[in-house]
Amino acid sequence: MSRKWIHAFLLTSLVVILSACSQTVEEQAQAGMENAETIFSSEPNKANKTIGHIELYLPNGYSIEKGIDELNYTILNGKDSYILFVNQNEPEDSQLQYDLLKQENKNEIVEEKTFDAAGQFGFSAITKFPEEKYELIVNLGGVKLSTISVDKKIDDKIQEMMEIVKTVKVID
């Protein structure tokens, strides 16, 4: 009988520990915003990819494909896909995408944070989507990267998205 109690205790302990280790969406969102702010404030990585009229840095495991035109690209990482929009006519301090998010977004904003330094304006936002999904958005001036995600690794995705957006440069 005591073996059953020991097994039950160990199983219960394991469930409690695993539950405590998993972060809520709000905790991931907050950590993601802090990570994005750190990346925004730091020197960008060196570009390692060129496609169409842009060059950018992509972390390991990421690839990029040309989209429907020269402004839209698809970035892939495993099962995750991201849409990269590049408007070369928008200055680095443009708040257009942020204003659109605040005015036109019908989804609940879970977390958002703006960044402003050295003539650049950027933001990160997470909005609630149906079916326990979230839209992750990272923007810097005329460069916007977004994806739809489940509630796992949101903090890491936001950080990597800012790493990518921070490096996008239009070339002639």
C-alpha atoms as a PDB file:
ATOM      1  CA  MET A   1       0.000   0.000   0.000  1.00  0.00           C
ATOM      2  CA  SER A   2       2.805   2.421   0.782  1.00  0.00           C
ATOM      3  CA  ARG A   3       4.237   1.972  -2.750  1.00  0.00           C
ATOM      4  CA  LYS A   4       0.966   3.182  -4.236  1.00  0.00           C
ATOM      5  CA  TRP A   5       1.078   6.257  -2.023  1.00  0.00           C
ATOM      6  CA  ILE A   6       4.656   6.954  -3.040  1.00  0.00           C
ATOM      7  CA  HIS A   7       3.757   6.641  -6.740  1.00  0.00           C
ATOM      8  CA  ALA A   8       0.693   8.833  -6.276  1.00  0.00           C
ATOM      9  CA  PHE A   9       2.771  11.421  -4.413  1.00  0.00           C
ATOM     10  CA  LEU A  10       5.475  11.421  -7.102  1.00  0.00           C
ATOM     11  CA  LEU A  11       2.921  11.698  -9.897  1.00  0.00           C
ATOM     12  CA  THR A  12       1.125  14.554  -8.150  1.00  0.00           C
ATOM     13  CA  SER A  13       4.426  16.314  -7.490  1.00  0.00           C
ATOM     14  CA  LEU A  14       5.428  15.958 -11.130  1.00  0.00           C
ATOM     15  CA  VAL A  15       2.129  17.463 -12.325  1.00  0.00           C
ATOM     16  CA  VAL A  16       2.474  20.389  -9.904  1.00  0.00           C
ATOM     17  CA  ILE A  17       6.068  21.051 -10.956  1.00  0.00           C
ATOM     18  CA  LEU A  18       5.241  20.904 -14.673  1.00  0.00           C
ATOM     19  CA  SER A  19       2.272  23.212 -14.178  1.00  0.00           C
ATOM     20  CA  ALA A  20       4.399  25.703 -12.276  1.00  0.00           C
ATOM     21  CA  CYS A  21       7.073  25.690 -14.983  1.00  0.00           C
ATOM     22  CA  SER A  22       4.761  26.544 -17.879  1.00  0.00           C
ATOM     23  CA  GLN A  23       4.266  30.254 -18.336  1.00  0.00           C
ATOM     24  CA  THR A  24       0.916  31.854 -19.016  1.00  0.00           C
ATOM     25  CA  VAL A  25       0.406  33.789 -22.239  1.00  0.00           C
ATOM     26  CA  GLU A  26       0.558  37.024 -20.267  1.00  0.00           C
ATOM     27  CA  GLU A  27       3.898  36.058 -18.700  1.00  0.00           C
ATOM     28  CA  GLN A  28       5.288  35.054 -22.099  1.00  0.00           C
ATOM     29  CA  ALA A  29       3.979  38.298 -23.603  1.00  0.00           C
ATOM     30  CA  GLN A  30       5.622  40.423 -20.950  1.00  0.00           C
ATOM     31  CA  ALA A  31       8.939  38.580 -21.328  1.00  0.00           C
ATOM     32  CA  GLY A  32       8.665  38.891 -25.123  1.00  0.00           C
ATOM     33  CA  MET A  33       8.174  42.662 -24.874  1.00  0.00           C
ATOM     34  CA  GLU A  34      11.233  42.977 -22.627  1.00  0.00           C
ATOM     35  CA  ASN A  35      13.275  40.860 -25.055  1.00  0.00           C
ATOM     36  CA  ALA A  36      12.076  42.958 -28.004  1.00  0.00           C
ATOM     37  CA  GLU A  37      13.034  46.165 -26.215  1.00  0.00           C
ATOM     38  CA  THR A  38      16.532  44.813 -25.552  1.00  0.00           C
ATOM     39  CA  ILE A  39      16.955  43.868 -29.227  1.00  0.00           C
ATOM     40  CA  PHE A  40      15.532  47.233 -30.369  1.00  0.00           C
ATOM     41  CA  SER A  41      18.097  49.063 -28.220  1.00  0.00           C
ATOM     42  CA  SER A  42      21.068  46.950 -29.357  1.00  0.00           C
ATOM     43  CA  GLU A  43      23.123  46.869 -32.537  1.00  0.00           C
ATOM     44  CA  PRO A  44      21.451  44.815 -35.273  1.00  0.00           C
ATOM     45  CA  ASN A  45      22.888  41.510 -36.406  1.00  0.00           C
ATOM     46  CA  LYS A  46      24.740  41.443 -39.698  1.00  0.00           C
ATOM     47  CA  ALA A  47      22.529  40.599 -42.697  1.00  0.00           C
ATOM     48  CA  ASN A  48      22.922  37.017 -43.885  1.00  0.00           C
ATOM     49  CA  LYS A  49      20.218  36.816 -46.607  1.00  0.00           C
ATOM     50  CA  THR A  50      19.306  38.838 -49.686  1.00  0.00           C
ATOM     51  CA  ILE A  51      16.048  38.466 -51.609  1.00  0.00           C
ATOM     52  CA  GLY A  52      14.508  40.851 -54.094  1.00  0.00           C
ATOM     53  CA  HIS A  53      15.272  44.400 -52.975  1.00  0.00           C
ATOM     54  CA  ILE A  54      15.995  43.637 -49.328  1.00  0.00           C
ATOM     55  CA  GLU A  55      18.728  42.205 -47.187  1.00  0.00           C
ATOM     56  CA  LEU A  56      18.187  40.963 -43.663  1.00  0.00           C
ATOM     57  CA  TYR A  57      19.356  38.677 -40.893  1.00  0.00           C
ATOM     58  CA  LEU A  58      17.531  35.373 -40.388  1.00  0.00           C
ATOM     59  CA  PRO A  59      18.220  33.200 -37.310  1.00  0.00           C
ATOM     60  CA  ASN A  60      19.188  29.549 -37.846  1.00  0.00           C
ATOM     61  CA  GLY A  61      16.322  27.439 -39.141  1.00  0.00           C
ATOM     62  CA  TYR A  62      14.574  30.340 -40.883  1.00  0.00           C
ATOM     63  CA  SER A  63      14.162  30.729 -44.652  1.00  0.00           C
ATOM     64  CA  ILE A  64      12.564  33.419 -46.803  1.00  0.00           C
ATOM     65  CA  GLU A  65      10.482  33.314 -49.971  1.00  0.00           C
ATOM     66  CA  LYS A  66       9.289  36.102 -52.204  1.00  0.00           C
ATOM     67  CA  GLY A  67       5.606  36.896 -51.780  1.00  0.00           C
ATOM     68  CA  ILE A  68       2.975  38.266 -54.102  1.00  0.00           C
ATOM     69  CA  ASP A  69       5.009  41.409 -54.852  1.00  0.00           C
ATOM     70  CA  GLU A  70       8.230  43.207 -53.911  1.00  0.00           C
ATOM     71  CA  LEU A  71       6.729  44.450 -50.642  1.00  0.00           C
ATOM     72  CA  ASN A  72       5.624  41.120 -49.183  1.00  0.00           C
ATOM     73  CA  TYR A  73       7.725  38.114 -48.249  1.00  0.00           C
ATOM     74  CA  THR A  74       7.058  34.834 -46.453  1.00  0.00           C
ATOM     75  CA  ILE A  75       9.465  33.738 -43.746  1.00  0.00           C
ATOM     76  CA  LEU A  76       9.356  30.110 -42.631  1.00  0.00           C
ATOM     77  CA  ASN A  77      10.656  28.362 -39.523  1.00  0.00           C
ATOM     78  CA  GLY A  78       9.495  24.779 -39.217  1.00  0.00           C
ATOM     79  CA  LYS A  79       5.701  24.829 -39.024  1.00  0.00           C
ATOM     80  CA  ASP A  80       5.620  28.583 -38.355  1.00  0.00           C
ATOM     81  CA  SER A  81       5.144  31.063 -41.176  1.00  0.00           C
ATOM     82  CA  TYR A  82       5.537  34.816 -40.949  1.00  0.00           C
ATOM     83  CA  ILE A  83       4.515  37.627 -43.279  1.00  0.00           C
ATOM     84  CA  LEU A  84       7.139  40.329 -43.806  1.00  0.00           C
ATOM     85  CA  PHE A  85       5.866  43.613 -45.243  1.00  0.00           C
ATOM     86  CA  VAL A  86       8.438  46.201 -46.327  1.00  0.00           C
ATOM     87  CA  ASN A  87       7.340  49.718 -47.327  1.00  0.00           C
ATOM     88  CA  GLN A  88      10.468  51.570 -48.385  1.00  0.00           C
ATOM     89  CA  ASN A  89       8.530  54.854 -48.609  1.00  0.00           C
ATOM     90  CA  GLU A  90       7.761  54.855 -44.900  1.00  0.00           C
ATOM     91  CA  PRO A  91      10.432  56.511 -42.711  1.00  0.00           C
ATOM     92  CA  GLU A  92      12.021  54.732 -39.723  1.00  0.00           C
ATOM     93  CA  ASP A  93      10.081  56.938 -37.304  1.00  0.00           C
ATOM     94  CA  SER A  94       6.693  56.180 -38.901  1.00  0.00           C
ATOM     95  CA  GLN A  95       3.895  55.275 -36.505  1.00  0.00           C
ATOM     96  CA  LEU A  96       1.421  54.345 -39.241  1.00  0.00           C
ATOM     97  CA  GLN A  97       1.235  50.623 -38.417  1.00  0.00           C
ATOM     98  CA  TYR A  98       0.905  51.354 -34.707  1.00  0.00           C
ATOM     99  CA  ASP A  99      -1.914  53.835 -35.343  1.00  0.00           C
ATOM    100  CA  LEU A 100      -3.665  51.249 -37.536  1.00  0.00           C
ATOM    101  CA  LEU A 101      -3.296  48.631 -34.793  1.00  0.00           C
ATOM    102  CA  LYS A 102      -4.888  50.954 -32.239  1.00  0.00           C
ATOM    103  CA  GLN A 103      -7.695  52.178 -34.520  1.00  0.00           C
ATOM    104  CA  GLU A 104      -8.661  49.211 -36.673  1.00  0.00           C
ATOM    105  CA  ASN A 105      -7.796  46.116 -34.676  1.00  0.00           C
ATOM    106  CA  LYS A 106     -10.937  44.261 -33.639  1.00  0.00           C
ATOM    107  CA  ASN A 107      -9.045  41.713 -31.559  1.00  0.00           C
ATOM    108  CA  GLU A 108      -8.196  42.148 -27.888  1.00  0.00           C
ATOM    109  CA  ILE A 109      -4.653  43.414 -27.393  1.00  0.00           C
ATOM    110  CA  VAL A 110      -3.024  41.099 -24.847  1.00  0.00           C
ATOM    111  CA  GLU A 111       0.209  43.099 -24.599  1.00  0.00           C
ATOM    112  CA  GLU A 112       1.890  45.902 -26.514  1.00  0.00           C
ATOM    113  CA  LYS A 113       4.984  48.001 -26.147  1.00  0.00           C
ATOM    114  CA  THR A 114       6.379  50.897 -28.145  1.00  0.00           C
ATOM    115  CA  PHE A 115      10.044  51.703 -28.672  1.00  0.00           C
ATOM    116  CA  ASP A 116      11.426  55.089 -29.655  1.00  0.00           C
ATOM    117  CA  ALA A 117      15.116  55.927 -30.009  1.00  0.00           C
ATOM    118  CA  ALA A 118      17.556  57.565 -32.423  1.00  0.00           C
ATOM    119  CA  GLY A 119      14.884  58.540 -34.955  1.00  0.00           C
ATOM    120  CA  GLN A 120      13.319  55.082 -35.011  1.00  0.00           C
ATOM    121  CA  PHE A 121       9.843  54.107 -33.843  1.00  0.00           C
ATOM    122  CA  GLY A 122       8.900  50.506 -33.318  1.00  0.00           C
ATOM    123  CA  PHE A 123       6.433  48.378 -31.444  1.00  0.00           C
ATOM    124  CA  SER A 124       5.577  44.825 -30.544  1.00  0.00           C
ATOM    125  CA  ALA A 125       2.045  43.635 -29.957  1.00  0.00           C
ATOM    126  CA  ILE A 126       0.176  40.440 -29.216  1.00  0.00           C
ATOM    127  CA  THR A 127      -3.525  40.240 -29.993  1.00  0.00           C
ATOM    128  CA  LYS A 128      -5.981  37.467 -29.167  1.00  0.00           C
ATOM    129  CA  PHE A 129      -7.265  35.481 -32.110  1.00  0.00           C
ATOM    130  CA  PRO A 130     -10.103  32.934 -32.133  1.00  0.00           C
ATOM    131  CA  GLU A 131      -9.444  29.315 -31.135  1.00  0.00           C
ATOM    132  CA  GLU A 132      -6.734  30.072 -28.534  1.00  0.00           C
ATOM    133  CA  LYS A 133      -4.385  31.610 -31.078  1.00  0.00           C
ATOM    134  CA  TYR A 134      -2.512  34.896 -30.999  1.00  0.00           C
ATOM    135  CA  GLU A 135      -1.270  37.336 -33.615  1.00  0.00           C
ATOM    136  CA  LEU A 136       2.281  38.450 -32.954  1.00  0.00           C
ATOM    137  CA  ILE A 137       3.325  41.742 -34.569  1.00  0.00           C
ATOM    138  CA  VAL A 138       6.711  43.442 -34.610  1.00  0.00           C
ATOM    139  CA  ASN A 139       7.167  46.702 -36.488  1.00  0.00           C
ATOM    140  CA  LEU A 140       9.959  49.181 -37.094  1.00  0.00           C
ATOM    141  CA  GLY A 141       9.115  52.136 -39.347  1.00  0.00           C
ATOM    142  CA  GLY A 142       8.000  50.670 -42.666  1.00  0.00           C
ATOM    143  CA  VAL A 143       8.911  47.064 -41.801  1.00  0.00           C
ATOM    144  CA  LYS A 144       6.266  44.824 -40.262  1.00  0.00           C
ATOM    145  CA  LEU A 145       6.537  41.130 -39.395  1.00  0.00           C
ATOM    146  CA  SER A 146       3.516  39.181 -38.181  1.00  0.00           C
ATOM    147  CA  THR A 147       2.415  35.618 -37.523  1.00  0.00           C
ATOM    148  CA  ILE A 148      -0.416  33.653 -35.979  1.00  0.00           C
ATOM    149  CA  SER A 149       0.750  31.460 -33.103  1.00  0.00           C
ATOM    150  CA  VAL A 150      -0.503  29.158 -30.415  1.00  0.00           C
ATOM    151  CA  ASP A 151       0.372  29.973 -26.808  1.00  0.00           C
ATOM    152  CA  LYS A 152       3.826  28.385 -26.845  1.00  0.00           C
ATOM    153  CA  LYS A 153       7.203  30.162 -27.054  1.00  0.00           C
ATOM    154  CA  ILE A 154       5.598  33.549 -27.678  1.00  0.00           C
ATOM    155  CA  ASP A 155       8.466  35.280 -25.875  1.00  0.00           C
ATOM    156  CA  ASP A 156      11.092  33.604 -28.075  1.00  0.00           C
ATOM    157  CA  LYS A 157       9.155  34.319 -31.263  1.00  0.00           C
ATOM    158  CA  ILE A 158       8.750  38.018 -30.444  1.00  0.00           C
ATOM    159  CA  GLN A 159      12.477  38.279 -29.749  1.00  0.00           C
ATOM    160  CA  GLU A 160      13.434  36.564 -33.003  1.00  0.00           C
ATOM    161  CA  MET A 161      10.933  38.668 -34.921  1.00  0.00           C
ATOM    162  CA  MET A 162      12.538  41.867 -33.587  1.00  0.00           C
ATOM    163  CA  GLU A 163      15.983  40.498 -34.498  1.00  0.00           C
ATOM    164  CA  ILE A 164      14.764  40.085 -38.092  1.00  0.00           C
ATOM    165  CA  VAL A 165      12.871  43.395 -38.385  1.00  0.00           C
ATOM    166  CA  LYS A 166      15.781  45.354 -36.920  1.00  0.00           C
ATOM    167  CA  THR A 167      18.044  44.218 -39.786  1.00  0.00           C
ATOM    168  CA  VAL A 168      15.812  44.695 -42.845  1.00  0.00           C
ATOM    169  CA  LYS A 169      17.400  47.103 -45.332  1.00  0.00           C
ATOM    170  CA  VAL A 170      16.162  48.054 -48.790  1.00  0.00           C
ATOM    171  CA  ILE A 171      18.910  47.817 -51.412  1.00  0.00           C
ATOM    172  CA  ASP A 172      18.994  49.158 -54.960  1.00  0.00           C
END
